[in-house]
Amino acid sequence: MKARIGYSVWIAGVVQFFAIHWIVESAWARPYSWARNNISDLGNAHCAMQQEPEPRYICSPEHGLMNLSFIALGTLLVVGAALTGPMWRRGATAAIARFLLAGAGLGFALAGLAPADVHENQHALGALLIMGTGNIGLLLAGVGLSIRVPGPLRWATSLLGITAVMALGLFFSHHYLGLGMGGMERVAAFPLLVWTLAVGAHGLFHQKPVGTTRPVS
């Protein structure tokens, strides 16, 4: 039962994040761009020209809603990491992966509590937890997931982790490969959310409870 709650809150966290992301970006007078704008721009509290890391004008009327979404997502990621024990192997790798994924949840919550234009250092720490510890946790999750999780999903987990870590390096080095600053940031940040949604859906709808056996005919 606890595991099903964990899978459910993971799904709820990601779905509400993308839904509110769309609502908040739609409220911008100047069109919000997934290529030119950071994710954090949606939560900035003030309207202003931002020079770093790329020049852009930011004015997010519904920034409060976005920051609440960051906090909700982070909280639900931590809860899910704590409750989804049956999908993990026993051992240090799985334990470290879960700890790092929970760290990403704390990063999202911190990003919501400390908007980038109000508490820059705290927000930067939150972003580092999301894309640093979170992506390393995702990489380790490919090894730490239980054999009860289908092989293709475990392989996809590793692939998403590798992609996210490489994208993070490109993002920090300002090599955007034609995707723009915001596009490369999303390649670094969104694999974790895609994975969370996929694994949560698999656990909730396809994975049998531990100890389930076929009835004897």
N, C-alpha and C. Protein backbone atom coordinates (compact mmCIF):
# COMPACT_ATOMS: atom_id res chain seq x y z
N MET A 1 0.83 -1.21 0.00
CA MET A 1 0.00 0.00 0.00
C MET A 1 0.86 1.26 0.00
N LYS A 2 1.93 1.25 0.83
CA LYS A 2 2.80 2.42 0.87
C LYS A 2 3.44 2.68 -0.49
N ALA A 3 3.83 1.59 -1.16
CA ALA A 3 4.47 1.76 -2.47
C ALA A 3 3.50 2.39 -3.46
N ARG A 4 2.24 1.97 -3.44
CA ARG A 4 1.26 2.54 -4.35
C ARG A 4 1.05 4.03 -4.08
N ILE A 5 1.10 4.40 -2.82
CA ILE A 5 1.04 5.83 -2.50
C ILE A 5 2.25 6.55 -3.08
N GLY A 6 3.43 5.93 -2.95
CA GLY A 6 4.64 6.52 -3.50
C GLY A 6 4.56 6.72 -5.01
N TYR A 7 4.09 5.68 -5.72
CA TYR A 7 3.94 5.82 -7.17
C TYR A 7 2.94 6.91 -7.52
N SER A 8 1.86 6.97 -6.76
CA SER A 8 0.80 7.95 -7.04
C SER A 8 1.28 9.38 -6.84
N VAL A 9 2.04 9.61 -5.77
CA VAL A 9 2.49 10.99 -5.53
C VAL A 9 3.54 11.40 -6.55
N TRP A 10 4.33 10.45 -7.04
CA TRP A 10 5.26 10.78 -8.11
C TRP A 10 4.51 11.24 -9.36
N ILE A 11 3.48 10.48 -9.73
CA ILE A 11 2.69 10.85 -10.91
C ILE A 11 2.04 12.22 -10.69
N ALA A 12 1.43 12.40 -9.53
CA ALA A 12 0.74 13.66 -9.24
C ALA A 12 1.71 14.84 -9.28
N GLY A 13 2.90 14.65 -8.73
CA GLY A 13 3.87 15.73 -8.69
C GLY A 13 4.28 16.19 -10.08
N VAL A 14 4.57 15.24 -10.96
CA VAL A 14 5.02 15.59 -12.31
C VAL A 14 3.88 16.18 -13.13
N VAL A 15 2.70 15.59 -13.03
CA VAL A 15 1.56 16.09 -13.81
C VAL A 15 1.20 17.52 -13.41
N GLN A 16 1.15 17.78 -12.10
CA GLN A 16 0.81 19.14 -11.69
C GLN A 16 1.89 20.13 -12.12
N PHE A 17 3.15 19.69 -12.12
CA PHE A 17 4.23 20.59 -12.52
C PHE A 17 4.07 21.03 -13.97
N PHE A 18 3.87 20.08 -14.87
CA PHE A 18 3.76 20.44 -16.27
C PHE A 18 2.47 21.21 -16.56
N ALA A 19 1.40 20.88 -15.85
CA ALA A 19 0.15 21.63 -16.03
C ALA A 19 0.32 23.08 -15.60
N ILE A 20 0.93 23.29 -14.45
CA ILE A 20 1.11 24.66 -13.95
C ILE A 20 2.17 25.39 -14.77
N HIS A 21 3.19 24.67 -15.22
CA HIS A 21 4.18 25.27 -16.13
C HIS A 21 3.47 25.90 -17.32
N TRP A 22 2.53 25.16 -17.92
CA TRP A 22 1.81 25.66 -19.09
C TRP A 22 0.93 26.86 -18.72
N ILE A 23 0.25 26.79 -17.59
CA ILE A 23 -0.61 27.89 -17.16
C ILE A 23 0.21 29.16 -16.93
N VAL A 24 1.33 29.02 -16.24
CA VAL A 24 2.15 30.19 -15.89
C VAL A 24 2.81 30.79 -17.12
N GLU A 25 3.34 29.95 -18.00
CA GLU A 25 3.98 30.51 -19.20
C GLU A 25 2.95 31.18 -20.10
N SER A 26 1.72 30.68 -20.09
CA SER A 26 0.66 31.27 -20.92
C SER A 26 0.26 32.66 -20.44
N ALA A 27 0.58 32.98 -19.19
CA ALA A 27 0.21 34.28 -18.63
C ALA A 27 1.19 35.38 -18.99
N TRP A 28 2.31 35.03 -19.61
CA TRP A 28 3.31 36.04 -19.97
C TRP A 28 2.80 36.93 -21.09
N ALA A 29 3.00 38.26 -20.95
CA ALA A 29 2.64 39.19 -22.02
C ALA A 29 3.58 39.01 -23.20
N ARG A 30 4.89 38.96 -22.90
CA ARG A 30 5.86 38.60 -23.92
C ARG A 30 5.96 37.08 -23.94
N PRO A 31 5.83 36.46 -25.10
CA PRO A 31 5.79 34.99 -25.13
C PRO A 31 6.99 34.36 -24.45
N TYR A 32 6.71 33.41 -23.59
CA TYR A 32 7.75 32.63 -22.92
C TYR A 32 8.29 31.61 -23.91
N SER A 33 9.61 31.43 -23.91
CA SER A 33 10.24 30.52 -24.86
C SER A 33 10.96 29.40 -24.13
N TRP A 34 10.67 28.16 -24.52
CA TRP A 34 11.38 27.02 -23.95
C TRP A 34 12.85 27.02 -24.37
N ALA A 35 13.17 27.70 -25.45
CA ALA A 35 14.56 27.77 -25.91
C ALA A 35 15.33 28.90 -25.24
N ARG A 36 14.70 30.06 -25.07
CA ARG A 36 15.42 31.24 -24.58
C ARG A 36 15.31 31.45 -23.07
N ASN A 37 14.29 30.89 -22.45
CA ASN A 37 14.06 31.15 -21.03
C ASN A 37 14.40 29.94 -20.16
N ASN A 38 14.97 30.23 -18.99
CA ASN A 38 15.16 29.19 -17.98
C ASN A 38 13.81 28.77 -17.40
N ILE A 39 13.77 27.58 -16.84
CA ILE A 39 12.59 27.14 -16.11
C ILE A 39 12.33 28.08 -14.94
N SER A 40 13.40 28.47 -14.27
CA SER A 40 13.29 29.33 -13.09
C SER A 40 12.69 30.69 -13.39
N ASP A 41 12.76 31.13 -14.65
CA ASP A 41 12.20 32.44 -15.00
C ASP A 41 10.72 32.52 -14.67
N LEU A 42 10.05 31.38 -14.72
CA LEU A 42 8.61 31.35 -14.42
C LEU A 42 8.32 31.71 -12.97
N GLY A 43 9.31 31.51 -12.09
CA GLY A 43 9.11 31.80 -10.68
C GLY A 43 9.70 33.11 -10.21
N ASN A 44 10.33 33.87 -11.12
CA ASN A 44 10.91 35.15 -10.72
C ASN A 44 9.83 36.11 -10.24
N ALA A 45 10.11 36.78 -9.14
CA ALA A 45 9.09 37.61 -8.48
C ALA A 45 8.96 39.00 -9.08
N HIS A 46 9.97 39.46 -9.83
CA HIS A 46 9.95 40.83 -10.33
C HIS A 46 10.12 40.85 -11.85
N CYS A 47 9.57 41.88 -12.47
CA CYS A 47 9.74 42.09 -13.90
C CYS A 47 11.04 42.87 -14.13
N ALA A 48 11.95 42.30 -14.91
CA ALA A 48 13.24 42.95 -15.11
C ALA A 48 13.97 42.30 -16.28
N MET A 49 14.94 43.05 -16.81
CA MET A 49 15.84 42.51 -17.82
C MET A 49 16.91 41.70 -17.11
N GLN A 50 17.10 40.48 -17.54
CA GLN A 50 18.09 39.59 -16.94
C GLN A 50 19.22 39.40 -17.93
N GLN A 51 20.46 39.58 -17.48
CA GLN A 51 21.61 39.49 -18.38
C GLN A 51 22.28 38.12 -18.37
N GLU A 52 22.20 37.41 -17.27
CA GLU A 52 22.91 36.14 -17.13
C GLU A 52 21.94 34.97 -17.01
N PRO A 53 22.27 33.82 -17.59
CA PRO A 53 23.43 33.56 -18.44
C PRO A 53 23.25 34.05 -19.87
N GLU A 54 22.00 34.40 -20.27
CA GLU A 54 21.74 34.98 -21.58
C GLU A 54 20.75 36.13 -21.40
N PRO A 55 20.92 37.24 -22.15
CA PRO A 55 20.00 38.38 -22.00
C PRO A 55 18.56 38.02 -22.36
N ARG A 56 17.61 38.41 -21.49
CA ARG A 56 16.20 38.17 -21.75
C ARG A 56 15.38 38.99 -20.77
N TYR A 57 14.18 39.36 -21.17
CA TYR A 57 13.28 40.09 -20.29
C TYR A 57 12.36 39.08 -19.61
N ILE A 58 12.24 39.21 -18.29
CA ILE A 58 11.44 38.27 -17.50
C ILE A 58 10.33 39.03 -16.80
N CYS A 59 9.10 38.56 -16.99
CA CYS A 59 7.97 39.12 -16.25
C CYS A 59 6.92 38.01 -16.15
N SER A 60 6.83 37.40 -14.99
CA SER A 60 5.96 36.23 -14.79
C SER A 60 4.83 36.58 -13.82
N PRO A 61 3.67 36.98 -14.34
CA PRO A 61 2.58 37.41 -13.46
C PRO A 61 2.14 36.34 -12.45
N GLU A 62 2.25 35.08 -12.83
CA GLU A 62 1.80 33.99 -11.95
C GLU A 62 2.98 33.28 -11.29
N HIS A 63 4.01 34.06 -10.94
CA HIS A 63 5.21 33.45 -10.36
C HIS A 63 4.91 32.72 -9.05
N GLY A 64 3.98 33.24 -8.27
CA GLY A 64 3.64 32.59 -7.01
C GLY A 64 3.11 31.18 -7.22
N LEU A 65 2.28 31.01 -8.24
CA LEU A 65 1.74 29.69 -8.56
C LEU A 65 2.85 28.74 -8.98
N MET A 66 3.80 29.24 -9.77
CA MET A 66 4.91 28.39 -10.21
C MET A 66 5.76 27.95 -9.04
N ASN A 67 6.01 28.86 -8.12
CA ASN A 67 6.84 28.51 -6.97
C ASN A 67 6.14 27.50 -6.06
N LEU A 68 4.83 27.61 -5.93
CA LEU A 68 4.08 26.60 -5.19
C LEU A 68 4.19 25.24 -5.87
N SER A 69 4.20 25.25 -7.20
CA SER A 69 4.34 24.00 -7.95
C SER A 69 5.71 23.38 -7.72
N PHE A 70 6.76 24.21 -7.72
CA PHE A 70 8.10 23.70 -7.42
C PHE A 70 8.12 23.03 -6.04
N ILE A 71 7.53 23.69 -5.06
CA ILE A 71 7.53 23.15 -3.70
C ILE A 71 6.74 21.85 -3.63
N ALA A 72 5.58 21.82 -4.29
CA ALA A 72 4.77 20.61 -4.30
C ALA A 72 5.50 19.46 -4.98
N LEU A 73 6.12 19.75 -6.13
CA LEU A 73 6.86 18.72 -6.85
C LEU A 73 7.99 18.17 -5.98
N GLY A 74 8.74 19.06 -5.37
CA GLY A 74 9.85 18.61 -4.54
C GLY A 74 9.40 17.76 -3.37
N THR A 75 8.34 18.18 -2.72
CA THR A 75 7.82 17.43 -1.58
C THR A 75 7.37 16.03 -2.00
N LEU A 76 6.67 15.95 -3.12
CA LEU A 76 6.16 14.66 -3.59
C LEU A 76 7.28 13.75 -4.09
N LEU A 77 8.33 14.33 -4.66
CA LEU A 77 9.48 13.51 -5.05
C LEU A 77 10.14 12.87 -3.84
N VAL A 78 10.28 13.63 -2.77
CA VAL A 78 10.87 13.09 -1.55
C VAL A 78 9.99 11.99 -0.97
N VAL A 79 8.69 12.24 -0.90
CA VAL A 79 7.77 11.23 -0.36
C VAL A 79 7.82 9.96 -1.20
N GLY A 80 7.82 10.11 -2.52
CA GLY A 80 7.88 8.95 -3.39
C GLY A 80 9.17 8.16 -3.22
N ALA A 81 10.29 8.86 -3.10
CA ALA A 81 11.57 8.17 -2.90
C ALA A 81 11.56 7.35 -1.62
N ALA A 82 10.85 7.85 -0.61
CA ALA A 82 10.80 7.15 0.67
C ALA A 82 9.88 5.94 0.64
N LEU A 83 8.83 5.98 -0.19
CA LEU A 83 7.78 4.96 -0.11
C LEU A 83 7.86 3.88 -1.19
N THR A 84 8.71 4.06 -2.19
CA THR A 84 8.73 3.12 -3.32
C THR A 84 9.75 2.00 -3.13
N GLY A 85 9.94 1.55 -1.92
CA GLY A 85 10.93 0.53 -1.62
C GLY A 85 10.87 -0.73 -2.47
N PRO A 86 9.67 -1.28 -2.76
CA PRO A 86 9.61 -2.54 -3.51
C PRO A 86 10.21 -2.49 -4.91
N MET A 87 10.36 -1.30 -5.49
CA MET A 87 10.91 -1.24 -6.85
C MET A 87 12.44 -1.20 -6.85
N TRP A 88 13.05 -1.22 -5.68
CA TRP A 88 14.50 -1.09 -5.58
C TRP A 88 15.14 -2.39 -5.11
N ARG A 89 16.38 -2.61 -5.55
CA ARG A 89 17.17 -3.71 -5.03
C ARG A 89 17.60 -3.38 -3.60
N ARG A 90 18.07 -4.39 -2.91
CA ARG A 90 18.72 -4.15 -1.63
C ARG A 90 20.19 -3.82 -1.90
N GLY A 91 20.77 -3.00 -1.05
CA GLY A 91 22.19 -2.70 -1.20
C GLY A 91 22.46 -1.21 -1.29
N ALA A 92 23.76 -0.90 -1.32
CA ALA A 92 24.20 0.49 -1.24
C ALA A 92 23.82 1.30 -2.47
N THR A 93 23.91 0.70 -3.66
CA THR A 93 23.64 1.46 -4.88
C THR A 93 22.22 2.00 -4.89
N ALA A 94 21.27 1.14 -4.58
CA ALA A 94 19.87 1.57 -4.56
C ALA A 94 19.64 2.61 -3.47
N ALA A 95 20.24 2.40 -2.31
CA ALA A 95 20.06 3.35 -1.20
C ALA A 95 20.61 4.72 -1.57
N ILE A 96 21.78 4.75 -2.20
CA ILE A 96 22.37 6.02 -2.61
C ILE A 96 21.52 6.69 -3.69
N ALA A 97 21.03 5.89 -4.64
CA ALA A 97 20.19 6.44 -5.70
C ALA A 97 18.94 7.10 -5.11
N ARG A 98 18.30 6.43 -4.18
CA ARG A 98 17.09 6.99 -3.56
C ARG A 98 17.41 8.26 -2.78
N PHE A 99 18.54 8.26 -2.09
CA PHE A 99 18.96 9.44 -1.33
C PHE A 99 19.20 10.63 -2.27
N LEU A 100 19.86 10.38 -3.39
CA LEU A 100 20.15 11.46 -4.34
C LEU A 100 18.88 11.95 -5.03
N LEU A 101 17.96 11.04 -5.33
CA LEU A 101 16.70 11.45 -5.93
C LEU A 101 15.88 12.29 -4.95
N ALA A 102 15.92 11.92 -3.68
CA ALA A 102 15.27 12.74 -2.67
C ALA A 102 15.94 14.11 -2.59
N GLY A 103 17.26 14.14 -2.80
CA GLY A 103 17.97 15.41 -2.83
C GLY A 103 17.47 16.32 -3.94
N ALA A 104 17.14 15.72 -5.09
CA ALA A 104 16.56 16.51 -6.18
C ALA A 104 15.22 17.10 -5.75
N GLY A 105 14.44 16.32 -5.00
CA GLY A 105 13.18 16.84 -4.48
C GLY A 105 13.39 18.03 -3.57
N LEU A 106 14.38 17.94 -2.71
CA LEU A 106 14.70 19.08 -1.84
C LEU A 106 15.13 20.28 -2.68
N GLY A 107 15.82 20.01 -3.79
CA GLY A 107 16.24 21.09 -4.68
C GLY A 107 15.06 21.82 -5.30
N PHE A 108 14.05 21.06 -5.75
CA PHE A 108 12.86 21.70 -6.32
C PHE A 108 12.16 22.55 -5.26
N ALA A 109 12.04 22.01 -4.05
CA ALA A 109 11.38 22.77 -2.98
C ALA A 109 12.15 24.04 -2.67
N LEU A 110 13.47 23.94 -2.62
CA LEU A 110 14.30 25.12 -2.34
C LEU A 110 14.17 26.15 -3.45
N ALA A 111 14.12 25.68 -4.70
CA ALA A 111 13.96 26.60 -5.83
C ALA A 111 12.65 27.37 -5.73
N GLY A 112 11.60 26.71 -5.24
CA GLY A 112 10.32 27.39 -5.08
C GLY A 112 10.30 28.35 -3.90
N LEU A 113 11.01 27.99 -2.85
CA LEU A 113 11.06 28.86 -1.67
C LEU A 113 11.97 30.06 -1.87
N ALA A 114 12.93 29.93 -2.78
CA ALA A 114 13.92 30.99 -3.00
C ALA A 114 13.98 31.33 -4.49
N PRO A 115 13.07 32.17 -4.99
CA PRO A 115 13.12 32.55 -6.41
C PRO A 115 14.49 33.11 -6.80
N ALA A 116 14.86 32.90 -8.05
CA ALA A 116 16.22 33.24 -8.50
C ALA A 116 16.53 34.72 -8.36
N ASP A 117 15.53 35.58 -8.51
CA ASP A 117 15.79 37.02 -8.44
C ASP A 117 15.62 37.58 -7.03
N VAL A 118 15.35 36.72 -6.07
CA VAL A 118 15.20 37.16 -4.68
C VAL A 118 16.31 36.60 -3.81
N HIS A 119 16.54 35.30 -3.93
CA HIS A 119 17.60 34.63 -3.16
C HIS A 119 18.43 33.81 -4.14
N GLU A 120 19.31 34.48 -4.85
CA GLU A 120 20.02 33.84 -5.96
C GLU A 120 20.86 32.64 -5.51
N ASN A 121 21.60 32.79 -4.42
CA ASN A 121 22.50 31.71 -4.00
C ASN A 121 21.73 30.47 -3.57
N GLN A 122 20.66 30.66 -2.81
CA GLN A 122 19.85 29.52 -2.38
C GLN A 122 19.19 28.85 -3.58
N HIS A 123 18.74 29.67 -4.53
CA HIS A 123 18.11 29.11 -5.73
C HIS A 123 19.13 28.31 -6.54
N ALA A 124 20.35 28.83 -6.65
CA ALA A 124 21.40 28.11 -7.38
C ALA A 124 21.71 26.78 -6.71
N LEU A 125 21.69 26.75 -5.38
CA LEU A 125 21.89 25.49 -4.67
C LEU A 125 20.77 24.51 -4.99
N GLY A 126 19.54 25.01 -5.04
CA GLY A 126 18.42 24.15 -5.41
C GLY A 126 18.60 23.57 -6.80
N ALA A 127 19.01 24.41 -7.75
CA ALA A 127 19.23 23.93 -9.12
C ALA A 127 20.33 22.88 -9.18
N LEU A 128 21.37 23.07 -8.37
CA LEU A 128 22.47 22.10 -8.34
C LEU A 128 21.99 20.76 -7.77
N LEU A 129 21.14 20.81 -6.77
CA LEU A 129 20.58 19.57 -6.22
C LEU A 129 19.71 18.86 -7.25
N ILE A 130 18.93 19.63 -8.00
CA ILE A 130 18.05 19.03 -9.00
C ILE A 130 18.86 18.36 -10.11
N MET A 131 19.75 19.12 -10.72
CA MET A 131 20.43 18.63 -11.92
C MET A 131 21.76 17.95 -11.63
N GLY A 132 22.28 18.14 -10.42
CA GLY A 132 23.52 17.48 -10.04
C GLY A 132 23.24 16.17 -9.33
N THR A 133 22.79 16.25 -8.09
CA THR A 133 22.52 15.02 -7.34
C THR A 133 21.39 14.22 -7.97
N GLY A 134 20.37 14.92 -8.49
CA GLY A 134 19.25 14.21 -9.09
C GLY A 134 19.66 13.38 -10.29
N ASN A 135 20.49 13.93 -11.15
CA ASN A 135 20.90 13.20 -12.35
C ASN A 135 21.87 12.07 -12.03
N ILE A 136 22.72 12.26 -11.04
CA ILE A 136 23.58 11.16 -10.61
C ILE A 136 22.72 10.05 -10.00
N GLY A 137 21.70 10.44 -9.23
CA GLY A 137 20.77 9.46 -8.69
C GLY A 137 20.05 8.71 -9.78
N LEU A 138 19.67 9.41 -10.84
CA LEU A 138 19.00 8.77 -11.97
C LEU A 138 19.93 7.77 -12.65
N LEU A 139 21.18 8.15 -12.79
CA LEU A 139 22.17 7.25 -13.39
C LEU A 139 22.32 5.98 -12.55
N LEU A 140 22.41 6.14 -11.24
CA LEU A 140 22.55 4.98 -10.35
C LEU A 140 21.26 4.15 -10.30
N ALA A 141 20.13 4.80 -10.52
CA ALA A 141 18.86 4.08 -10.48
C ALA A 141 18.79 2.99 -11.54
N GLY A 142 19.49 3.19 -12.65
CA GLY A 142 19.50 2.16 -13.68
C GLY A 142 20.06 0.84 -13.18
N VAL A 143 20.96 0.92 -12.20
CA VAL A 143 21.54 -0.28 -11.58
C VAL A 143 20.77 -0.68 -10.34
N GLY A 144 20.20 0.31 -9.65
CA GLY A 144 19.57 0.05 -8.36
C GLY A 144 18.14 -0.44 -8.42
N LEU A 145 17.49 -0.36 -9.59
CA LEU A 145 16.12 -0.83 -9.68
C LEU A 145 16.05 -2.35 -9.57
N SER A 146 14.98 -2.83 -8.99
CA SER A 146 14.77 -4.26 -8.80
C SER A 146 14.60 -4.97 -10.15
N ILE A 147 14.89 -6.26 -10.16
CA ILE A 147 14.68 -7.05 -11.38
C ILE A 147 13.19 -7.20 -11.67
N ARG A 148 12.34 -6.84 -10.72
CA ARG A 148 10.89 -6.84 -10.97
C ARG A 148 10.50 -5.72 -11.93
N VAL A 149 11.36 -4.72 -12.08
CA VAL A 149 11.13 -3.66 -13.07
C VAL A 149 11.60 -4.18 -14.42
N PRO A 150 10.80 -4.06 -15.47
CA PRO A 150 11.19 -4.60 -16.79
C PRO A 150 12.54 -4.10 -17.26
N GLY A 151 13.28 -4.98 -17.93
CA GLY A 151 14.60 -4.64 -18.42
C GLY A 151 14.63 -3.37 -19.26
N PRO A 152 13.72 -3.21 -20.23
CA PRO A 152 13.75 -1.99 -21.05
C PRO A 152 13.61 -0.71 -20.22
N LEU A 153 12.83 -0.76 -19.15
CA LEU A 153 12.68 0.43 -18.31
C LEU A 153 13.96 0.70 -17.52
N ARG A 154 14.64 -0.36 -17.10
CA ARG A 154 15.92 -0.17 -16.40
C ARG A 154 16.97 0.39 -17.35
N TRP A 155 16.99 -0.12 -18.59
CA TRP A 155 17.96 0.39 -19.57
C TRP A 155 17.65 1.84 -19.91
N ALA A 156 16.37 2.16 -20.06
CA ALA A 156 15.98 3.54 -20.35
C ALA A 156 16.37 4.47 -19.22
N THR A 157 16.31 3.96 -17.99
CA THR A 157 16.72 4.76 -16.84
C THR A 157 18.18 5.16 -16.95
N SER A 158 19.03 4.20 -17.27
CA SER A 158 20.46 4.50 -17.43
C SER A 158 20.68 5.47 -18.58
N LEU A 159 19.97 5.27 -19.68
CA LEU A 159 20.12 6.15 -20.84
C LEU A 159 19.69 7.58 -20.51
N LEU A 160 18.58 7.71 -19.80
CA LEU A 160 18.13 9.04 -19.38
C LEU A 160 19.15 9.70 -18.45
N GLY A 161 19.71 8.91 -17.55
CA GLY A 161 20.72 9.46 -16.64
C GLY A 161 21.94 9.96 -17.38
N ILE A 162 22.43 9.17 -18.33
CA ILE A 162 23.60 9.58 -19.12
C ILE A 162 23.29 10.84 -19.91
N THR A 163 22.11 10.88 -20.53
CA THR A 163 21.71 12.05 -21.32
C THR A 163 21.66 13.30 -20.45
N ALA A 164 21.06 13.17 -19.27
CA ALA A 164 20.90 14.32 -18.39
C ALA A 164 22.24 14.83 -17.87
N VAL A 165 23.14 13.92 -17.52
CA VAL A 165 24.46 14.33 -17.02
C VAL A 165 25.25 15.04 -18.12
N MET A 166 25.21 14.49 -19.34
CA MET A 166 25.91 15.13 -20.45
C MET A 166 25.31 16.51 -20.76
N ALA A 167 23.99 16.60 -20.73
CA ALA A 167 23.33 17.88 -20.99
C ALA A 167 23.68 18.91 -19.93
N LEU A 168 23.81 18.46 -18.69
CA LEU A 168 24.18 19.39 -17.62
C LEU A 168 25.57 19.98 -17.88
N GLY A 169 26.51 19.14 -18.31
CA GLY A 169 27.84 19.64 -18.64
C GLY A 169 27.79 20.65 -19.78
N LEU A 170 26.99 20.37 -20.80
CA LEU A 170 26.86 21.29 -21.92
C LEU A 170 26.20 22.59 -21.48
N PHE A 171 25.20 22.48 -20.61
CA PHE A 171 24.51 23.68 -20.12
C PHE A 171 25.45 24.58 -19.34
N PHE A 172 26.21 24.00 -18.42
CA PHE A 172 27.13 24.80 -17.61
C PHE A 172 28.26 25.40 -18.44
N SER A 173 28.63 24.74 -19.54
CA SER A 173 29.71 25.25 -20.39
C SER A 173 29.19 26.15 -21.52
N HIS A 174 27.87 26.41 -21.51
CA HIS A 174 27.22 27.30 -22.49
C HIS A 174 27.33 26.76 -23.91
N HIS A 175 27.30 25.45 -24.06
CA HIS A 175 27.23 24.82 -25.37
C HIS A 175 25.81 24.25 -25.53
N TYR A 176 24.98 24.96 -26.26
CA TYR A 176 23.56 24.63 -26.30
C TYR A 176 23.15 23.81 -27.52
N LEU A 177 24.06 23.60 -28.45
CA LEU A 177 23.84 22.73 -29.62
C LEU A 177 22.58 23.10 -30.40
N GLY A 178 22.31 24.40 -30.47
CA GLY A 178 21.16 24.87 -31.23
C GLY A 178 19.84 24.80 -30.49
N LEU A 179 19.85 24.27 -29.26
CA LEU A 179 18.60 24.16 -28.50
C LEU A 179 18.28 25.42 -27.71
N GLY A 180 19.25 26.31 -27.59
CA GLY A 180 19.07 27.48 -26.75
C GLY A 180 19.36 27.15 -25.30
N MET A 181 19.55 28.19 -24.51
CA MET A 181 19.84 28.02 -23.09
C MET A 181 18.74 27.23 -22.38
N GLY A 182 17.49 27.65 -22.61
CA GLY A 182 16.37 26.97 -21.96
C GLY A 182 16.18 25.56 -22.45
N GLY A 183 16.42 25.34 -23.74
CA GLY A 183 16.28 24.00 -24.28
C GLY A 183 17.27 23.03 -23.68
N MET A 184 18.54 23.45 -23.57
CA MET A 184 19.54 22.56 -23.00
C MET A 184 19.30 22.33 -21.51
N GLU A 185 18.82 23.37 -20.82
CA GLU A 185 18.49 23.18 -19.40
C GLU A 185 17.41 22.12 -19.25
N ARG A 186 16.45 22.11 -20.14
CA ARG A 186 15.38 21.12 -20.05
C ARG A 186 15.87 19.71 -20.36
N VAL A 187 16.83 19.59 -21.26
CA VAL A 187 17.41 18.28 -21.52
C VAL A 187 18.14 17.78 -20.28
N ALA A 188 18.67 18.71 -19.48
CA ALA A 188 19.35 18.33 -18.24
C ALA A 188 18.39 18.07 -17.09
N ALA A 189 17.25 18.74 -17.07
CA ALA A 189 16.35 18.66 -15.92
C ALA A 189 15.16 17.73 -16.12
N PHE A 190 14.64 17.63 -17.34
CA PHE A 190 13.39 16.91 -17.55
C PHE A 190 13.51 15.39 -17.59
N PRO A 191 14.68 14.80 -17.94
CA PRO A 191 14.75 13.33 -17.89
C PRO A 191 14.35 12.76 -16.54
N LEU A 192 14.71 13.43 -15.46
CA LEU A 192 14.33 12.96 -14.13
C LEU A 192 12.81 12.92 -13.98
N LEU A 193 12.14 13.94 -14.51
CA LEU A 193 10.68 14.00 -14.38
C LEU A 193 10.01 12.98 -15.30
N VAL A 194 10.55 12.81 -16.50
CA VAL A 194 10.01 11.80 -17.41
C VAL A 194 10.14 10.41 -16.79
N TRP A 195 11.30 10.15 -16.20
CA TRP A 195 11.53 8.86 -15.54
C TRP A 195 10.58 8.67 -14.36
N THR A 196 10.43 9.69 -13.55
CA THR A 196 9.55 9.60 -12.39
C THR A 196 8.12 9.26 -12.81
N LEU A 197 7.65 9.92 -13.87
CA LEU A 197 6.30 9.66 -14.36
C LEU A 197 6.19 8.23 -14.90
N ALA A 198 7.18 7.79 -15.67
CA ALA A 198 7.13 6.46 -16.28
C ALA A 198 7.20 5.36 -15.22
N VAL A 199 8.11 5.50 -14.28
CA VAL A 199 8.27 4.49 -13.24
C VAL A 199 7.06 4.49 -12.30
N GLY A 200 6.55 5.67 -12.00
CA GLY A 200 5.36 5.75 -11.16
C GLY A 200 4.17 5.07 -11.82
N ALA A 201 3.99 5.32 -13.13
CA ALA A 201 2.88 4.69 -13.84
C ALA A 201 3.04 3.18 -13.91
N HIS A 202 4.27 2.72 -14.16
CA HIS A 202 4.49 1.27 -14.19
C HIS A 202 4.20 0.65 -12.83
N GLY A 203 4.71 1.26 -11.78
CA GLY A 203 4.49 0.71 -10.45
C GLY A 203 3.04 0.69 -10.05
N LEU A 204 2.31 1.73 -10.44
CA LEU A 204 0.91 1.85 -10.03
C LEU A 204 0.00 0.93 -10.82
N PHE A 205 0.27 0.77 -12.12
CA PHE A 205 -0.69 0.07 -12.98
C PHE A 205 -0.24 -1.32 -13.43
N HIS A 206 1.06 -1.63 -13.32
CA HIS A 206 1.53 -2.89 -13.89
C HIS A 206 2.26 -3.79 -12.89
N GLN A 207 2.83 -3.22 -11.86
CA GLN A 207 3.65 -4.03 -10.96
C GLN A 207 2.77 -4.72 -9.93
N LYS A 208 2.96 -6.04 -9.78
CA LYS A 208 2.21 -6.80 -8.80
C LYS A 208 2.76 -6.54 -7.41
N PRO A 209 1.91 -6.53 -6.40
CA PRO A 209 2.39 -6.37 -5.03
C PRO A 209 3.39 -7.46 -4.67
N VAL A 210 4.33 -7.11 -3.80
CA VAL A 210 5.31 -8.08 -3.33
C VAL A 210 4.59 -9.23 -2.66
N GLY A 211 4.99 -10.45 -3.01
CA GLY A 211 4.40 -11.63 -2.39
C GLY A 211 3.21 -12.18 -3.15
N THR A 212 2.83 -11.50 -4.25
CA THR A 212 1.71 -12.00 -5.04
C THR A 212 2.11 -13.27 -5.78
N THR A 213 1.32 -14.27 -5.69
CA THR A 213 1.59 -15.53 -6.39
C THR A 213 0.34 -15.95 -7.13
N ARG A 214 0.54 -16.78 -8.13
CA ARG A 214 -0.60 -17.29 -8.87
C ARG A 214 -1.33 -18.34 -8.05
N PRO A 215 -2.64 -18.34 -8.10
CA PRO A 215 -3.38 -19.36 -7.35
C PRO A 215 -3.14 -20.74 -7.95
N VAL A 216 -3.12 -21.73 -7.09
CA VAL A 216 -2.93 -23.10 -7.55
C VAL A 216 -4.25 -23.62 -8.10
N SER A 217 -4.23 -24.13 -9.33
CA SER A 217 -5.47 -24.63 -9.94
C SER A 217 -5.70 -26.08 -9.59
